[in-house]
Protein backbone atom coordinates (compact mmCIF):
# COMPACT_ATOMS: atom_id res chain seq x y z
CA MET A 1 2.05 -17.51 -37.82
CA GLU A 2 5.67 -16.69 -38.59
CA GLY A 3 6.95 -14.12 -36.13
CA ASN A 4 4.00 -14.70 -33.77
CA SER A 5 5.35 -17.26 -31.33
CA VAL A 6 4.75 -16.40 -27.67
CA LEU A 7 5.99 -17.93 -24.43
CA VAL A 8 3.55 -17.22 -21.60
CA LEU A 9 5.17 -17.06 -18.15
CA LEU A 10 2.75 -18.04 -15.38
CA SER A 11 3.55 -18.29 -11.69
CA SER A 12 1.00 -20.30 -9.71
CA TYR A 13 0.37 -20.69 -6.00
CA ASN A 14 -2.65 -22.44 -4.48
CA GLY A 15 -4.64 -21.45 -7.55
CA GLU A 16 -6.91 -24.45 -7.89
CA LYS A 17 -10.09 -22.35 -7.89
CA TYR A 18 -9.40 -20.35 -11.07
CA ILE A 19 -6.34 -21.71 -12.89
CA GLU A 20 -8.32 -23.94 -15.22
CA GLN A 21 -10.28 -20.97 -16.55
CA GLN A 22 -7.07 -19.00 -16.96
CA ILE A 23 -5.34 -21.77 -18.93
CA GLU A 24 -8.41 -22.36 -21.10
CA SER A 25 -8.32 -18.68 -22.10
CA LEU A 26 -4.63 -19.04 -23.01
CA LEU A 27 -5.26 -22.12 -25.13
CA ALA A 28 -8.03 -20.23 -26.93
CA GLN A 29 -5.69 -17.48 -28.21
CA VAL A 30 -6.07 -16.91 -31.95
CA GLY A 31 -3.47 -15.97 -34.57
CA VAL A 32 -0.44 -16.84 -32.43
CA GLU A 33 1.67 -19.89 -31.67
CA ILE A 34 1.57 -20.15 -27.89
CA THR A 35 3.59 -22.13 -25.37
CA ILE A 36 2.82 -21.95 -21.64
CA LEU A 37 5.57 -22.18 -19.02
CA ILE A 38 4.30 -22.53 -15.43
CA ARG A 39 6.41 -22.33 -12.31
CA ASP A 40 4.45 -23.42 -9.27
CA ASP A 41 5.58 -21.59 -6.13
CA GLY A 42 5.13 -24.49 -3.71
CA SER A 43 1.34 -24.95 -3.81
CA SER A 44 -0.28 -27.14 -1.17
CA ASP A 45 -3.61 -27.54 -2.94
CA HIS A 46 -4.56 -29.28 -6.22
CA THR A 47 -3.11 -26.66 -8.56
CA LEU A 48 -0.43 -28.92 -10.03
CA GLU A 49 -2.87 -31.80 -10.51
CA ILE A 50 -5.11 -29.55 -12.58
CA VAL A 51 -2.16 -28.29 -14.61
CA GLU A 52 -0.79 -31.79 -15.15
CA LYS A 53 -4.17 -33.00 -16.44
CA MET A 54 -4.53 -30.03 -18.81
CA PHE A 55 -0.94 -30.25 -20.10
CA LYS A 56 -0.80 -34.02 -20.60
CA GLY A 57 0.29 -34.85 -24.14
CA THR A 58 0.97 -31.18 -25.02
CA LYS A 59 4.11 -29.09 -25.53
CA HIS A 60 3.33 -26.91 -22.52
CA ILE A 61 5.68 -27.02 -19.53
CA TYR A 62 5.25 -26.88 -15.78
CA PHE A 63 7.41 -27.52 -12.74
CA LYS A 64 7.27 -27.03 -8.99
CA GLY A 65 9.74 -24.77 -7.25
CA ASP A 66 10.43 -23.65 -3.71
CA ASN A 67 8.10 -21.08 -2.18
CA VAL A 68 9.91 -17.79 -2.81
CA GLY A 69 6.95 -15.44 -3.26
CA PRO A 70 5.40 -13.99 -6.41
CA ALA A 71 8.17 -11.54 -7.32
CA LEU A 72 11.07 -14.00 -7.18
CA SER A 73 8.93 -16.69 -8.79
CA PHE A 74 8.46 -14.50 -11.84
CA TYR A 75 12.15 -13.53 -11.87
CA ASN A 76 12.94 -17.25 -11.94
CA LEU A 77 10.62 -17.63 -14.93
CA MET A 78 12.30 -14.72 -16.68
CA LYS A 79 15.75 -16.21 -16.11
CA LEU A 80 14.61 -19.61 -17.39
CA ALA A 81 13.02 -18.01 -20.46
CA PHE A 82 16.22 -16.06 -21.16
CA GLU A 83 18.53 -19.03 -20.80
CA LYS A 84 16.50 -21.96 -22.13
CA TYR A 85 13.44 -20.74 -24.04
CA ASN A 86 14.82 -17.77 -25.92
CA GLN A 87 13.65 -18.89 -29.37
CA TYR A 88 10.26 -17.21 -29.05
CA ASP A 89 9.36 -13.96 -30.75
CA TYR A 90 7.52 -12.58 -27.73
CA PHE A 91 6.95 -13.25 -24.05
CA ALA A 92 4.01 -12.48 -21.76
CA PHE A 93 3.39 -12.50 -18.03
CA CYS A 94 0.27 -14.23 -16.79
CA ASP A 95 -1.52 -14.53 -13.47
CA GLN A 96 -3.37 -17.68 -12.42
CA ASP A 97 -6.84 -16.31 -11.92
CA ASP A 98 -7.80 -14.04 -14.84
CA ILE A 99 -9.50 -14.68 -18.18
CA TRP A 100 -7.88 -13.38 -21.37
CA HIS A 101 -9.78 -12.23 -24.44
CA ASN A 102 -8.96 -14.66 -27.23
CA ASP A 103 -7.24 -11.94 -29.29
CA LYS A 104 -5.21 -10.48 -26.43
CA LEU A 105 -1.82 -11.72 -27.68
CA LEU A 106 -2.59 -11.10 -31.36
CA THR A 107 -3.62 -7.53 -30.54
CA ALA A 108 -0.40 -6.98 -28.60
CA ILE A 109 1.83 -8.31 -31.37
CA SER A 110 -0.07 -6.45 -34.09
CA THR A 111 0.22 -3.22 -32.10
CA MET A 112 3.97 -3.64 -31.72
CA LYS A 113 4.31 -4.22 -35.47
CA THR A 114 2.30 -1.16 -36.55
CA THR A 115 5.12 0.58 -38.44
CA GLU A 116 8.47 -0.34 -39.90
CA GLU A 117 10.18 1.74 -37.24
CA ASN A 118 8.36 -0.13 -34.49
CA ALA A 119 9.05 -3.50 -36.09
CA ASN A 120 12.79 -2.81 -36.01
CA ALA A 121 12.87 -1.40 -32.49
CA CYS A 122 15.39 -2.96 -30.14
CA LYS A 123 13.15 -3.26 -27.09
CA LYS A 124 9.35 -3.28 -27.01
CA LEU A 125 6.72 -3.40 -24.27
CA TYR A 126 2.96 -3.61 -24.68
CA PHE A 127 0.34 -3.45 -21.98
CA CYS A 128 -3.40 -2.95 -22.07
CA SER A 129 -6.37 -2.07 -19.97
CA SER A 130 -8.70 -4.60 -18.38
CA ASP A 131 -12.18 -4.96 -17.07
CA ILE A 132 -12.56 -6.23 -13.54
CA ILE A 133 -14.52 -9.35 -12.68
CA ASN A 134 -15.48 -10.90 -9.34
CA GLU A 135 -15.18 -14.44 -8.04
CA SER A 136 -18.17 -15.48 -10.18
CA SER A 137 -16.62 -14.01 -13.37
CA LYS A 138 -19.16 -11.17 -13.36
CA ARG A 139 -17.93 -7.84 -14.67
CA ILE A 140 -17.95 -5.23 -11.91
CA ALA A 141 -15.84 -2.34 -13.24
CA SER A 142 -13.24 -1.11 -15.70
CA SER A 143 -9.65 -0.54 -14.65
CA SER A 144 -8.38 3.00 -14.57
CA LYS A 145 -6.82 4.39 -17.75
CA ARG A 146 -5.92 7.74 -16.24
CA TYR A 147 -2.17 7.22 -16.63
CA PHE A 148 -2.15 5.68 -20.12
CA ASN A 149 -1.75 9.01 -21.93
CA ASN A 150 0.93 10.27 -19.61
CA ILE A 151 3.61 7.61 -19.26
CA ASP A 152 6.63 9.21 -17.63
CA TYR A 153 9.85 7.77 -16.19
CA ARG A 154 9.43 10.01 -13.10
CA MET A 155 6.41 7.94 -11.96
CA CYS A 156 8.28 4.62 -11.89
CA PHE A 157 9.04 4.60 -8.16
CA HIS A 158 5.51 5.08 -6.92
CA ARG A 159 3.15 4.21 -9.77
CA ASN A 160 3.06 1.33 -12.27
CA PRO A 161 0.11 1.69 -14.65
CA ALA A 162 1.01 -1.57 -16.39
CA LEU A 163 -0.48 -4.70 -14.85
CA GLY A 164 1.96 -7.56 -15.32
CA CYS A 165 -0.81 -9.85 -16.55
CA THR A 166 -1.35 -7.48 -19.52
CA MET A 167 2.34 -7.16 -20.49
CA VAL A 168 3.76 -8.58 -23.72
CA PHE A 169 7.40 -7.90 -24.59
CA ASN A 170 10.24 -9.02 -26.82
CA PHE A 171 13.46 -10.85 -26.04
CA ASN A 172 15.59 -7.71 -26.02
CA LEU A 173 13.60 -6.22 -23.16
CA LEU A 174 13.63 -9.55 -21.33
CA HIS A 175 17.42 -9.59 -21.68
CA GLU A 176 17.70 -6.09 -20.25
CA CYS A 177 15.47 -6.91 -17.29
CA ILE A 178 17.21 -10.13 -16.27
CA LYS A 179 20.56 -8.35 -15.89
CA ILE A 180 19.43 -7.81 -12.31
CA TRP A 181 19.59 -11.54 -11.50
CA ASP A 182 23.08 -11.86 -9.97
CA TYR A 183 22.60 -8.57 -8.13
CA ILE A 184 19.42 -9.69 -6.36
CA GLN A 185 20.93 -13.08 -5.51
CA SER A 186 23.73 -11.47 -3.53
CA THR A 187 23.59 -12.03 0.22
CA SER A 188 24.11 -8.29 0.71
CA TYR A 189 20.99 -7.39 -1.31
CA ASP A 190 18.02 -6.36 0.84
CA LYS A 191 15.10 -8.20 -0.76
CA ARG A 192 12.62 -5.83 0.86
CA TYR A 193 13.42 -3.56 -2.06
CA LEU A 194 12.99 -6.13 -4.82
CA PRO A 195 10.45 -4.64 -7.21
CA MET A 196 7.65 -6.83 -8.46
CA HIS A 197 8.49 -8.27 -11.88
CA ASP A 198 6.08 -5.95 -13.71
CA ALA A 199 7.20 -2.85 -11.81
CA TRP A 200 10.82 -3.67 -12.67
CA MET A 201 10.02 -4.21 -16.36
CA PHE A 202 8.07 -0.94 -16.52
CA CYS A 203 10.98 0.83 -14.83
CA VAL A 204 13.61 -0.68 -17.15
CA ALA A 205 11.50 0.12 -20.21
CA ASN A 206 11.22 3.77 -19.15
CA PHE A 207 14.94 4.22 -18.51
CA THR A 208 16.14 2.50 -21.68
CA ASN A 209 15.42 2.97 -25.34
CA THR A 210 12.18 0.97 -25.28
CA LEU A 211 9.07 1.54 -27.34
CA ILE A 212 6.13 1.44 -24.93
CA PHE A 213 2.61 0.76 -26.20
CA ALA A 214 -0.19 1.58 -23.73
CA ASP A 215 -3.42 0.16 -25.16
CA LYS A 216 -6.66 1.48 -23.70
CA LYS A 217 -8.60 -1.46 -25.09
CA GLU A 218 -9.66 -3.99 -22.46
CA LYS A 219 -8.11 -7.30 -23.42
CA ILE A 220 -8.30 -9.29 -20.20
CA HIS A 221 -10.85 -9.90 -17.47
CA TYR A 222 -8.88 -9.13 -14.32
CA ARG A 223 -10.28 -11.06 -11.37
CA LYS A 224 -10.51 -9.35 -7.99
CA HIS A 225 -11.06 -11.63 -5.03
CA ASN A 226 -10.01 -12.11 -1.41
CA LEU A 227 -7.04 -14.34 -2.29
CA ASN A 228 -5.35 -11.93 -4.72
CA VAL A 229 -1.61 -11.70 -4.03
CA THR A 230 -1.07 -8.31 -5.64
CA ALA A 231 -4.51 -6.92 -6.42
CA SER A 232 -5.49 -3.34 -5.70
CA GLN A 233 -7.25 -2.85 -2.42
CA LYS A 234 -11.04 -2.83 -2.39
CA ASN A 235 -11.40 0.74 -1.13
CA LEU A 236 -9.37 3.90 -1.03
CA LEU A 237 -9.02 3.94 2.77
CA GLN A 238 -7.54 0.46 2.84
CA ARG A 239 -5.26 1.32 -0.06
CA ILE A 240 -3.92 4.41 1.72
CA LYS A 241 -3.47 2.50 4.99
CA ASN A 242 -1.47 -0.24 3.27
CA LEU A 243 0.56 2.33 1.34
CA VAL A 244 1.51 4.14 4.56
CA ILE A 245 2.54 0.92 6.27
CA ARG A 246 4.52 -0.30 3.29
CA ARG A 247 6.36 2.88 2.32
CA LEU A 248 6.82 4.44 5.76
CA PHE A 249 7.70 1.36 7.83
CA GLU A 250 8.24 -1.82 5.78
CA LYS A 251 10.12 -0.30 2.84
CA PRO A 252 11.40 3.15 3.80
CA ARG A 253 13.41 4.88 1.05
CA TYR A 254 12.06 2.42 -1.53
CA ALA A 255 12.63 4.82 -4.43
CA GLU A 256 16.18 5.56 -3.30
CA ASN A 257 17.04 1.85 -3.21
CA VAL A 258 15.38 0.93 -6.51
CA ALA A 259 17.03 3.91 -8.24
CA LYS A 260 20.38 2.55 -7.05
CA THR A 261 19.44 -0.86 -8.47
CA VAL A 262 18.70 0.69 -11.85
CA LEU A 263 21.97 2.65 -11.91
CA GLU A 264 24.03 -0.40 -10.95
CA ASN A 265 22.45 -2.84 -13.40
CA ILE A 266 21.03 -0.95 -16.37
CA GLN A 267 22.81 1.22 -18.91
CA VAL A 268 20.94 4.53 -18.95
CA ASN A 269 22.07 6.62 -21.91
CA ASP A 270 19.69 9.53 -21.48
CA GLU A 271 21.56 12.06 -19.34
CA LYS A 272 18.38 13.68 -18.00
CA LYS A 273 17.05 10.32 -16.82
CA LYS A 274 20.41 9.39 -15.34
CA GLN A 275 20.54 12.61 -13.34
CA PHE A 276 17.05 11.91 -12.01
CA LEU A 277 18.23 8.48 -10.81
CA VAL A 278 21.30 10.02 -9.18
CA LEU A 279 19.09 12.58 -7.42
CA LEU A 280 16.81 9.84 -6.02
CA SER A 281 19.58 7.41 -5.10
CA SER A 282 21.85 9.93 -3.38
CA GLY A 283 19.86 10.02 -0.15
CA LYS A 284 21.10 13.55 0.45
CA LYS A 285 19.17 15.38 3.17
CA ASP A 286 20.19 18.95 2.41
CA ILE A 287 17.37 21.36 1.62
CA ILE A 288 18.37 21.79 -2.04
CA SER A 289 18.28 18.04 -2.72
CA VAL A 290 14.93 17.69 -0.96
CA PHE A 291 13.40 20.51 -2.99
CA LYS A 292 14.80 19.07 -6.21
CA ARG A 293 13.12 15.75 -5.45
CA LEU A 294 9.89 17.53 -4.62
CA TYR A 295 10.06 19.28 -7.97
CA TYR A 296 11.12 16.40 -10.23
CA VAL A 297 9.13 13.44 -8.88
CA LYS A 298 5.95 13.27 -10.97
CA LEU A 299 2.93 13.14 -8.64
CA SER A 300 0.46 15.24 -10.60
CA GLY A 301 -1.65 12.22 -11.58
CA GLU A 302 -2.15 10.97 -8.02
CA ILE A 303 -5.25 11.68 -5.99
CA PHE A 304 -4.76 14.37 -3.35
CA PRO A 305 -4.22 12.29 -0.16
CA ILE A 306 -1.73 9.97 -1.86
CA ARG A 307 0.09 12.89 -3.45
CA ILE A 308 0.40 14.59 -0.04
CA PHE A 309 1.73 11.37 1.50
CA TYR A 310 4.45 11.04 -1.13
CA TYR A 311 5.43 14.68 -0.69
CA PHE A 312 5.68 13.97 3.04
CA LEU A 313 7.94 10.95 2.36
CA ILE A 314 10.22 13.09 0.19
CA MET A 315 10.44 15.81 2.84
CA ILE A 316 11.45 13.38 5.58
CA ASN A 317 13.85 11.55 3.23
CA ARG A 318 11.94 8.25 3.18
CA TYR A 319 10.65 8.27 -0.40
């Protein structure tokens, strides 16, 4: 299994109901050498007892941290992986409540090694599709693949087609992503605008020289239930309602702030992409800037009501 070692980064929080199934599916991975690193985000249930029992006498690692929320918990895992566990060939994000196909990691690694050019690439990101299961592990749907053929850096500030729990990536991309660490720890940083770990990685990958592999094959069973921290809403109306609340009131000018974060922390060599970030981050309200944002932000893949809402945000300078 030379060249196939993987460190799985899992953030847990009150996950006693499903975490055993999730870990069992990790331990069943074939063709790879896997190590699991769990950071518990201050659970008050029996999550850690289950993990301790399953990890006893193994090389797998777990620890309990302060309750900082899912985004910062994963950033903590990324920093720890970068500083202390950087000997692995690949890294993967993992939720606490899904079930992985036993060849999920092998498929990811094999895909990223498909050609000599790919094998020598500096930064690599793989993500795949999933089928959706309910609380009883019954398949209820397939996840949307509508964006997989049309990955574009201009969608990064409103659409992330890559579920974190499907992502596999190499050390070079991890290194690029964790450059944000000191910046987000600053007392002057407004953590309302901290992107989720997977949204940030997708964004960094799109604005740097990263090979992105979007695999339409379903390689995990993604569980949808009432306790999901970041799951998609159950119906379109609820999704739109939450989007309006989040982007209009809780996180106004989200794209502007995240674009600034990219410019201040990531080296963007592509001039076209850099100019797009400057356009978003400027916050200029003049009519020319507004129309430029309306033209360049890629919303063509969104359903009509969501597309109209984002156009509205751009026009009132709150995108």
